[in-house]
Structures are given as structure tokens and as C-alpha cells.
N, C-alpha and C. Protein backbone atom coordinates (compact mmCIF):
# COMPACT_ATOMS: atom_id res chain seq x y z
N MET A 1 110.39 66.96 174.99
CA MET A 1 108.88 66.27 175.20
C MET A 1 108.70 66.55 173.78
N GLU A 2 107.70 65.86 173.10
CA GLU A 2 107.39 65.22 171.79
C GLU A 2 105.92 65.99 171.76
N ARG A 3 105.86 66.75 170.54
CA ARG A 3 104.61 67.29 170.54
C ARG A 3 103.81 66.60 169.33
N ASP A 4 102.32 66.73 170.14
CA ASP A 4 101.26 65.69 169.65
C ASP A 4 100.41 66.41 168.49
N ASP A 5 100.71 67.73 168.26
CA ASP A 5 99.83 68.21 167.22
C ASP A 5 100.13 68.45 165.68
N ILE A 6 101.48 67.74 165.56
CA ILE A 6 101.72 67.15 163.83
C ILE A 6 101.69 66.23 163.87
N ILE A 7 101.46 66.08 162.63
CA ILE A 7 100.75 65.03 161.89
C ILE A 7 101.89 64.63 160.91
N GLU A 8 102.08 63.43 160.61
CA GLU A 8 103.16 63.03 159.92
C GLU A 8 102.55 62.52 158.67
N TYR A 9 101.87 63.23 157.99
CA TYR A 9 101.29 62.64 156.79
C TYR A 9 101.51 61.59 155.79
N SER A 10 103.17 61.42 155.68
CA SER A 10 103.69 60.70 154.54
C SER A 10 103.78 59.03 155.18
N LEU A 11 102.97 58.74 156.46
CA LEU A 11 102.59 57.77 157.53
C LEU A 11 101.51 57.40 157.48
N ASP A 12 100.64 58.22 156.01
CA ASP A 12 99.13 57.82 156.05
C ASP A 12 98.95 57.45 154.87
N THR A 13 99.94 57.16 154.21
CA THR A 13 99.60 56.13 152.61
C THR A 13 99.35 54.73 152.73
N HIS A 14 98.23 55.00 152.09
CA HIS A 14 97.75 53.46 151.77
C HIS A 14 97.66 52.86 150.37
N HIS A 15 99.01 53.36 149.86
CA HIS A 15 98.87 52.34 148.87
C HIS A 15 100.46 51.51 148.58
N ASN A 16 100.43 50.92 147.83
CA ASN A 16 101.89 50.10 147.46
C ASN A 16 102.58 50.44 146.41
N GLU A 17 104.04 49.95 146.01
CA GLU A 17 104.55 50.51 145.28
C GLU A 17 103.98 50.56 143.87
N GLU A 18 103.41 49.46 143.39
CA GLU A 18 102.76 49.58 142.12
C GLU A 18 101.67 50.35 141.94
N GLN A 19 100.79 50.90 142.91
CA GLN A 19 100.06 52.16 142.92
C GLN A 19 100.36 52.94 142.69
N GLY A 20 101.80 53.63 143.47
CA GLY A 20 102.44 54.86 143.48
C GLY A 20 102.84 55.04 141.84
N LYS A 21 103.71 53.47 141.52
CA LYS A 21 103.90 54.01 139.98
C LYS A 21 102.93 53.96 139.08
N ALA A 22 101.61 53.91 139.55
CA ALA A 22 101.02 54.23 138.33
C ALA A 22 100.24 55.33 138.56
N ILE A 23 100.15 56.06 139.75
CA ILE A 23 100.03 57.33 140.24
C ILE A 23 100.62 58.31 139.85
N ARG A 24 102.25 58.07 139.73
CA ARG A 24 103.16 59.19 139.51
C ARG A 24 103.27 59.01 137.40
N LYS A 25 103.30 57.67 136.90
CA LYS A 25 102.71 57.69 135.46
C LYS A 25 101.80 58.16 135.01
N LYS A 26 100.56 58.28 135.78
CA LYS A 26 99.41 59.15 135.01
C LYS A 26 100.04 60.64 135.34
N ILE A 27 100.49 61.40 136.88
CA ILE A 27 100.72 62.67 136.85
C ILE A 27 102.00 63.24 135.14
N TYR A 28 102.82 62.16 134.89
CA TYR A 28 103.62 62.29 134.24
C TYR A 28 103.08 62.56 132.92
N PHE A 29 101.75 61.85 132.36
CA PHE A 29 101.42 61.51 131.40
C PHE A 29 100.18 62.85 130.92
N VAL A 30 99.87 63.51 132.27
CA VAL A 30 98.89 64.52 132.00
C VAL A 30 100.16 66.00 131.62
N THR A 31 101.11 65.87 132.34
CA THR A 31 102.07 66.92 132.30
C THR A 31 102.62 67.05 130.86
N MET A 32 102.87 65.94 130.26
CA MET A 32 103.39 65.91 129.02
C MET A 32 102.25 66.38 127.96
N LEU A 33 100.96 66.09 128.23
CA LEU A 33 100.07 66.32 127.32
C LEU A 33 99.91 67.48 127.32
N LEU A 34 99.43 68.07 128.57
CA LEU A 34 99.73 69.60 128.65
C LEU A 34 100.51 70.50 128.19
N SER A 35 101.70 70.26 128.59
CA SER A 35 103.15 70.64 127.68
C SER A 35 102.93 70.54 126.17
N VAL A 36 102.48 69.45 125.28
CA VAL A 36 102.73 69.28 123.97
C VAL A 36 101.57 70.18 123.48
N ILE A 37 100.39 70.29 124.03
CA ILE A 37 99.39 70.87 124.03
C ILE A 37 99.17 72.62 123.54
N THR A 38 100.15 73.02 125.09
CA THR A 38 100.81 74.64 125.19
C THR A 38 101.80 74.65 124.57
N ILE A 39 102.89 73.93 123.80
CA ILE A 39 103.84 74.17 122.88
C ILE A 39 103.38 74.05 121.15
N ALA A 40 102.41 73.20 121.36
CA ALA A 40 101.67 73.34 119.54
C ALA A 40 100.82 74.50 119.46
N GLU A 41 100.15 75.28 120.96
CA GLU A 41 99.53 76.38 120.39
C GLU A 41 100.61 77.72 120.54
N VAL A 42 101.67 77.52 121.59
CA VAL A 42 102.64 78.51 120.82
C VAL A 42 103.25 78.69 119.80
N ALA A 43 103.64 77.57 119.38
CA ALA A 43 104.20 77.46 117.90
C ALA A 43 103.11 78.04 117.13
N LEU A 44 102.56 77.43 116.97
CA LEU A 44 100.76 78.01 115.90
C LEU A 44 100.87 79.52 116.08
N GLY A 45 100.53 80.24 116.77
CA GLY A 45 100.73 81.54 117.46
C GLY A 45 101.66 82.26 116.75
N VAL A 46 103.21 81.44 117.00
CA VAL A 46 104.22 82.28 116.19
C VAL A 46 104.42 82.48 114.98
N TRP A 47 104.33 81.03 114.05
CA TRP A 47 104.47 80.45 112.83
C TRP A 47 103.22 80.62 112.23
N TRP A 48 102.34 80.94 112.19
CA TRP A 48 100.90 80.49 111.56
C TRP A 48 100.79 81.28 110.26
N ASN A 49 101.39 82.55 110.54
CA ASN A 49 101.56 83.29 109.01
C ASN A 49 102.34 82.98 108.10
N SER A 50 103.35 82.19 108.38
CA SER A 50 104.79 82.05 107.60
C SER A 50 104.55 80.61 106.98
N MET A 51 103.47 80.02 107.95
CA MET A 51 103.02 78.52 107.26
C MET A 51 101.72 78.93 106.38
N GLY A 52 101.24 80.11 106.30
CA GLY A 52 100.32 80.17 105.10
C GLY A 52 98.74 79.57 105.69
N LEU A 53 98.58 79.75 106.67
CA LEU A 53 97.59 79.42 107.71
C LEU A 53 96.27 80.53 107.46
N PRO A 54 95.39 79.95 106.81
CA PRO A 54 94.13 81.41 107.24
C PRO A 54 93.79 81.36 108.76
N TRP A 55 93.73 83.10 109.08
CA TRP A 55 93.29 83.31 110.67
C TRP A 55 92.27 82.63 111.17
N GLU A 56 91.02 82.14 110.16
CA GLU A 56 90.03 81.37 110.79
C GLU A 56 90.25 80.18 111.58
N LEU A 57 91.17 79.28 110.86
CA LEU A 57 91.50 78.21 110.96
C LEU A 57 92.39 78.45 112.47
N VAL A 58 93.29 79.01 112.35
CA VAL A 58 94.07 79.51 113.54
C VAL A 58 93.08 79.51 114.79
N LYS A 59 92.20 80.21 114.54
CA LYS A 59 91.60 80.66 115.94
C LYS A 59 90.91 79.59 116.24
N TYR A 60 90.60 78.77 115.08
CA TYR A 60 89.25 77.65 115.79
C TYR A 60 90.03 76.46 116.13
N THR A 61 91.19 76.45 115.99
CA THR A 61 92.65 75.71 116.57
C THR A 61 92.77 76.39 118.03
N PHE A 62 93.08 77.32 118.24
CA PHE A 62 93.01 77.65 119.63
C PHE A 62 91.91 77.34 120.52
N ILE A 63 90.81 77.35 119.81
CA ILE A 63 89.83 77.70 121.13
C ILE A 63 89.68 76.05 120.98
N ILE A 64 89.22 75.01 120.17
CA ILE A 64 89.41 73.69 120.34
C ILE A 64 90.58 73.12 121.19
N LEU A 65 91.65 73.72 120.90
CA LEU A 65 92.85 73.36 122.12
C LEU A 65 93.17 74.15 123.52
N THR A 66 92.49 74.80 123.70
CA THR A 66 92.16 75.62 125.51
C THR A 66 91.01 74.26 125.34
N LEU A 67 89.85 74.21 125.00
CA LEU A 67 88.81 73.64 125.55
C LEU A 67 89.18 72.32 125.90
N VAL A 68 90.42 71.60 124.96
CA VAL A 68 90.94 70.15 125.52
C VAL A 68 91.63 70.41 126.66
N LYS A 69 92.32 71.59 126.68
CA LYS A 69 93.45 71.54 128.05
C LYS A 69 92.14 71.60 129.47
N ALA A 70 91.45 72.64 128.94
CA ALA A 70 90.57 72.84 130.19
C ALA A 70 89.61 71.20 130.46
N ALA A 71 89.17 70.67 129.49
CA ALA A 71 88.43 69.73 129.91
C ALA A 71 89.13 68.73 130.83
N TYR A 72 90.48 68.70 130.34
CA TYR A 72 91.43 67.69 130.79
C TYR A 72 91.62 67.85 132.37
N ILE A 73 92.46 69.27 132.40
CA ILE A 73 92.19 70.38 133.78
C ILE A 73 91.53 70.01 134.68
N ILE A 74 89.51 69.63 134.37
CA ILE A 74 88.84 69.56 134.53
C ILE A 74 88.51 67.97 135.60
N VAL A 75 89.05 67.16 134.06
CA VAL A 75 88.81 65.59 135.11
C VAL A 75 90.15 65.15 135.66
N VAL A 76 91.28 65.42 135.56
CA VAL A 76 92.52 65.17 136.18
C VAL A 76 92.65 66.06 137.69
N PHE A 77 92.95 67.20 137.22
CA PHE A 77 93.30 67.84 138.62
C PHE A 77 92.10 68.18 139.77
N MET A 78 90.99 68.17 139.47
CA MET A 78 89.77 68.51 140.06
C MET A 78 88.90 67.09 140.10
N HIS A 79 89.44 65.82 139.65
CA HIS A 79 89.21 64.52 140.29
C HIS A 79 87.35 64.40 139.82
N LEU A 80 87.21 65.23 138.75
CA LEU A 80 85.70 64.96 138.22
C LEU A 80 85.63 63.64 137.59
N GLY A 81 86.69 62.97 136.60
CA GLY A 81 86.97 61.52 135.87
C GLY A 81 86.73 60.79 137.29
N ASP A 82 86.71 60.80 138.58
CA ASP A 82 86.68 60.04 139.15
C ASP A 82 85.01 59.87 140.32
N GLU A 83 84.41 60.62 139.87
CA GLU A 83 83.63 60.72 140.55
C GLU A 83 81.93 59.86 139.74
N ARG A 84 80.87 59.78 140.25
CA ARG A 84 79.76 58.83 139.96
C ARG A 84 79.50 60.10 138.57
N LYS A 85 78.32 59.38 137.48
CA LYS A 85 77.96 59.90 136.25
C LYS A 85 77.28 61.01 136.87
N SER A 86 76.46 60.36 137.86
CA SER A 86 75.46 61.57 138.00
C SER A 86 75.78 63.40 138.55
N PHE A 87 76.53 62.85 139.45
CA PHE A 87 77.34 64.20 139.71
C PHE A 87 78.12 64.97 139.03
N LYS A 88 78.16 63.95 137.75
CA LYS A 88 79.49 64.92 136.67
C LYS A 88 78.16 65.81 135.97
N GLN A 89 76.82 65.10 135.65
CA GLN A 89 76.21 65.83 135.09
C GLN A 89 75.58 66.71 135.42
N ILE A 90 75.68 66.50 136.74
CA ILE A 90 74.93 67.85 137.79
C ILE A 90 76.11 69.26 137.70
N LEU A 91 77.08 68.96 137.30
CA LEU A 91 78.18 69.98 137.50
C LEU A 91 78.18 70.35 135.99
N LEU A 92 78.37 69.47 135.34
CA LEU A 92 78.52 69.89 133.50
C LEU A 92 77.52 70.25 133.17
N ILE A 93 76.50 69.86 133.44
CA ILE A 93 75.59 70.55 132.52
C ILE A 93 75.02 71.85 132.44
N PRO A 94 74.80 72.60 133.57
CA PRO A 94 74.65 73.53 133.78
C PRO A 94 75.68 74.44 133.18
N TYR A 95 76.84 74.22 133.20
CA TYR A 95 78.03 74.76 132.63
C TYR A 95 77.88 74.76 131.15
N LEU A 96 77.34 73.71 131.12
CA LEU A 96 77.43 73.66 129.25
C LEU A 96 76.20 74.27 128.70
N LEU A 97 75.33 74.53 129.35
CA LEU A 97 74.09 75.31 129.02
C LEU A 97 74.25 76.76 129.31
N PHE A 98 75.05 77.20 129.85
CA PHE A 98 75.55 78.83 130.21
C PHE A 98 76.16 78.81 128.96
N ILE A 99 77.52 77.95 128.72
CA ILE A 99 78.33 78.82 127.40
C ILE A 99 77.66 78.61 125.95
N ALA A 100 76.72 77.82 126.08
CA ALA A 100 75.80 77.58 125.06
C ALA A 100 74.85 79.01 125.06
N TYR A 101 74.12 79.50 126.33
CA TYR A 101 73.57 80.82 125.96
C TYR A 101 74.64 81.91 125.77
N LEU A 102 75.81 82.15 125.86
CA LEU A 102 77.06 83.27 125.64
C LEU A 102 76.98 83.31 124.29
N LEU A 103 77.28 81.70 123.83
CA LEU A 103 77.66 81.72 122.77
C LEU A 103 76.36 82.07 121.35
N PHE A 104 75.14 81.85 121.53
CA PHE A 104 74.00 82.33 121.24
C PHE A 104 73.75 83.81 121.54
N ILE A 105 74.18 84.16 122.60
CA ILE A 105 74.28 85.79 122.64
C ILE A 105 74.77 86.43 121.38
N LEU A 106 76.37 86.16 121.54
CA LEU A 106 77.47 86.35 120.70
C LEU A 106 77.05 86.56 119.14
N LEU A 107 76.46 85.50 118.91
CA LEU A 107 76.69 84.98 117.60
C LEU A 107 74.90 86.11 117.36
N VAL A 108 73.92 86.51 117.87
CA VAL A 108 72.70 86.89 117.76
C VAL A 108 73.37 88.69 117.78
N GLU A 109 74.32 88.83 118.59
CA GLU A 109 74.67 90.31 118.51
C GLU A 109 75.79 91.08 117.62
N ALA A 110 76.93 89.79 117.06
CA ALA A 110 77.62 89.78 116.07
C ALA A 110 76.79 90.47 114.62
N TRP A 111 75.43 89.24 114.80
CA TRP A 111 74.77 89.31 113.42
C TRP A 111 74.21 90.56 113.12
N TYR A 112 73.47 91.17 114.33
CA TYR A 112 73.23 92.61 114.41
C TYR A 112 73.49 93.67 114.14
N VAL A 113 75.23 93.66 114.94
CA VAL A 113 76.17 94.66 114.35
C VAL A 113 76.28 94.31 112.85
N TYR A 114 76.88 93.45 112.59
CA TYR A 114 77.16 93.22 110.59
C TYR A 114 75.83 93.93 109.93
N ASP A 115 74.76 93.55 110.28
CA ASP A 115 73.08 94.14 109.23
C ASP A 115 73.62 95.73 109.78
N ILE A 116 73.45 96.16 110.92
CA ILE A 116 73.33 97.56 110.76
C ILE A 116 74.74 98.35 110.29
N ARG A 117 75.81 97.45 110.00
CA ARG A 117 77.27 98.13 109.30
C ARG A 117 76.94 98.30 107.95
N MET A 118 76.36 97.36 107.40
CA MET A 118 76.17 96.72 106.00
C MET A 118 75.02 97.68 105.36
N GLN A 119 74.01 98.05 106.10
CA GLN A 119 72.86 98.63 106.37
C GLN A 119 73.16 100.49 106.21
N PHE A 120 74.30 101.12 106.60
CA PHE A 120 74.56 102.12 106.55
C PHE A 120 76.03 102.12 106.13
N ASN A 121 76.96 101.38 105.68
CA ASN A 121 77.81 101.08 104.82
C ASN A 121 78.94 101.64 105.52
N TRP A 122 79.07 101.46 106.85
CA TRP A 122 79.89 101.45 107.90
C TRP A 122 81.01 100.46 107.67
N LEU A 123 82.37 100.38 106.77
CA LEU A 123 83.04 99.86 106.30
C LEU A 123 84.56 99.64 107.03
N PHE A 124 84.50 99.58 108.25
CA PHE A 124 85.80 100.01 108.89
C PHE A 124 86.39 98.90 109.56
């Protein structure tokens, strides 16, 4: 007896071989890009001291590369790049405002702690 509750998803593909090649090419490109960025981050973390790079540059490079990876993951894997512009703005603007708020609080508190430490000569 044949079961009617099993769905064969491979028969439900509605694209031809050229579209399949384009999809696979995009997947390979995204995989390679994220791998190269990750390898660059690991190499920078391992050899930054022997290359004579200042720690501030290394920190900002890590932050930028991590944001690039996160943005690319959101655009490609969460399919946000295929959405309409208004929907992207509805999703991204609150997050960007929240990140800006967190950075503001971080900097204000850091300046306050620095001022207190300088006022009492706490240099530890």
C-alpha cells in the first residue's frame, strides 16, 4: 500500500539547470567569502603581535570584519536581500537605533569611569 502522507520535495523544484547553477555559485561564493573573512580574523588574532600592529587597530579590524560577516549572513541566509526596501527598513532601523543607543551608553559610562579614575589617581 502506498502512503499518501509522504511528500517528495525534490519533485517540487521549479527551476531549470541554469538557475540551479546560479544558486550553487552564490552558495559557494558566500561560503568562500565568510571562510576568508574568518581565516583573516584568526590569522590576525594569532599573529598581530609579531606583525607589530597596534592593539587598537586589531580591535577595530575585528569589529568591522564581524559586522561584515553578520550583515552578509543576514542578507543571504535570512533572505533579507530579496525583500522590498520598505520591509528592510522596518527591520533594520530599530536595530541600528538600538546599537547606536548601546554605543552611546558605553561611551558615556567609559568617559565617566575614566574621569573618576583620573580624579582620584586610580591608575590600575
